[in-house]
Amino acid sequence: MRPEFGGSWNEVSAANEHARHCFHKGLLQDIFGRPPDNHVSWGPDKRDEDISFRFPWGEVSASTDFKGYSCGILIKYGS
């Protein structure tokens, strides 16, 4: 939904997904006003790191799959 990350399947790239994933992580930290509770590293590049925020009702994560060129914000309710 943000043009700088591409607007069609023809614009999908690892670079665009890195940028989108970094945007998602920054957005969640801005919304929740604190560092994430969990970091999951997928390699030496910190941009690849997934993050999550835990709450009594569940968890919100910024997750990525660079092999599949996809990333997103996930909301999980419950334990």
Protein backbone atom coordinates (compact mmCIF):
# COMPACT_ATOMS: atom_id res chain seq x y z
CA MET A 1 0.00 0.00 0.00
CA ARG A 2 3.04 2.25 0.08
CA PRO A 3 4.36 3.05 -3.41
CA GLU A 4 8.02 3.04 -2.36
CA PHE A 5 7.78 -0.75 -1.83
CA GLY A 6 6.26 -1.47 -5.25
CA GLY A 7 2.66 -1.65 -6.32
CA SER A 8 2.54 -4.73 -8.53
CA TRP A 9 3.94 -8.24 -8.88
CA ASN A 10 6.40 -6.85 -11.45
CA GLU A 11 8.03 -4.76 -8.71
CA VAL A 12 8.57 -7.56 -6.18
CA SER A 13 12.22 -7.75 -5.12
CA ALA A 14 14.36 -8.67 -2.14
CA ALA A 15 15.31 -5.00 -1.72
CA ASN A 16 11.66 -3.89 -1.61
CA GLU A 17 10.80 -6.61 0.92
CA HIS A 18 13.77 -5.63 3.13
CA ALA A 19 12.53 -2.04 3.08
CA ARG A 20 8.91 -3.08 3.79
CA HIS A 21 9.99 -5.35 6.66
CA CYS A 22 12.09 -2.55 8.22
CA PHE A 23 9.11 -0.21 7.87
CA HIS A 24 6.84 -2.74 9.62
CA LYS A 25 9.28 -3.14 12.52
CA GLY A 26 9.62 0.62 12.98
CA LEU A 27 5.86 1.10 12.73
CA LEU A 28 5.17 -1.43 15.49
CA GLN A 29 7.81 0.08 17.77
CA ASP A 30 6.29 3.53 17.20
CA ILE A 31 2.76 2.26 17.89
CA PHE A 32 3.66 0.37 21.06
CA GLY A 33 6.29 2.88 22.23
CA ARG A 34 8.77 0.28 23.41
CA PRO A 35 11.34 -2.21 22.16
CA PRO A 36 10.07 -5.63 21.08
CA ASP A 37 9.89 -8.52 23.54
CA ASN A 38 11.40 -11.05 21.18
CA HIS A 39 13.88 -11.07 18.29
CA VAL A 40 14.32 -13.99 15.91
CA SER A 41 17.35 -13.69 13.66
CA TRP A 42 17.41 -15.41 10.25
CA GLY A 43 20.96 -14.43 9.37
CA PRO A 44 23.77 -11.97 9.94
CA ASP A 45 21.78 -8.99 8.61
CA LYS A 46 19.68 -7.34 11.35
CA ARG A 47 17.17 -6.28 8.69
CA ASP A 48 16.21 -9.96 8.43
CA GLU A 49 15.33 -10.15 12.12
CA ASP A 50 11.68 -10.80 13.03
CA ILE A 51 10.32 -9.08 16.11
CA SER A 52 7.30 -9.60 18.35
CA PHE A 53 5.45 -7.80 21.12
CA ARG A 54 3.70 -9.86 23.80
CA PHE A 55 0.50 -8.85 25.56
CA PRO A 56 -1.86 -10.59 27.98
CA TRP A 57 -4.29 -11.17 25.09
CA GLY A 58 -1.72 -12.42 22.52
CA GLU A 59 1.15 -11.28 20.32
CA VAL A 60 1.87 -8.87 17.43
CA SER A 61 4.81 -9.66 15.14
CA ALA A 62 6.64 -8.27 12.13
CA SER A 63 7.65 -11.38 10.24
CA THR A 64 9.38 -12.07 6.95
CA ASP A 65 10.20 -14.80 4.46
CA PHE A 66 12.87 -13.39 2.16
CA LYS A 67 13.09 -16.64 0.19
CA GLY A 68 9.47 -16.13 -0.80
CA TYR A 69 9.77 -12.33 -1.01
CA SER A 70 7.03 -11.71 1.53
CA CYS A 71 6.62 -10.02 4.89
CA GLY A 72 3.78 -8.82 7.05
CA ILE A 73 2.40 -7.91 10.43
CA LEU A 74 0.81 -10.85 12.22
CA ILE A 75 -1.65 -10.70 15.11
CA LYS A 76 -2.10 -13.83 17.23
CA TYR A 77 -4.78 -14.04 19.91
CA GLY A 78 -4.33 -16.36 22.86
CA SER A 79 -1.29 -18.31 23.98
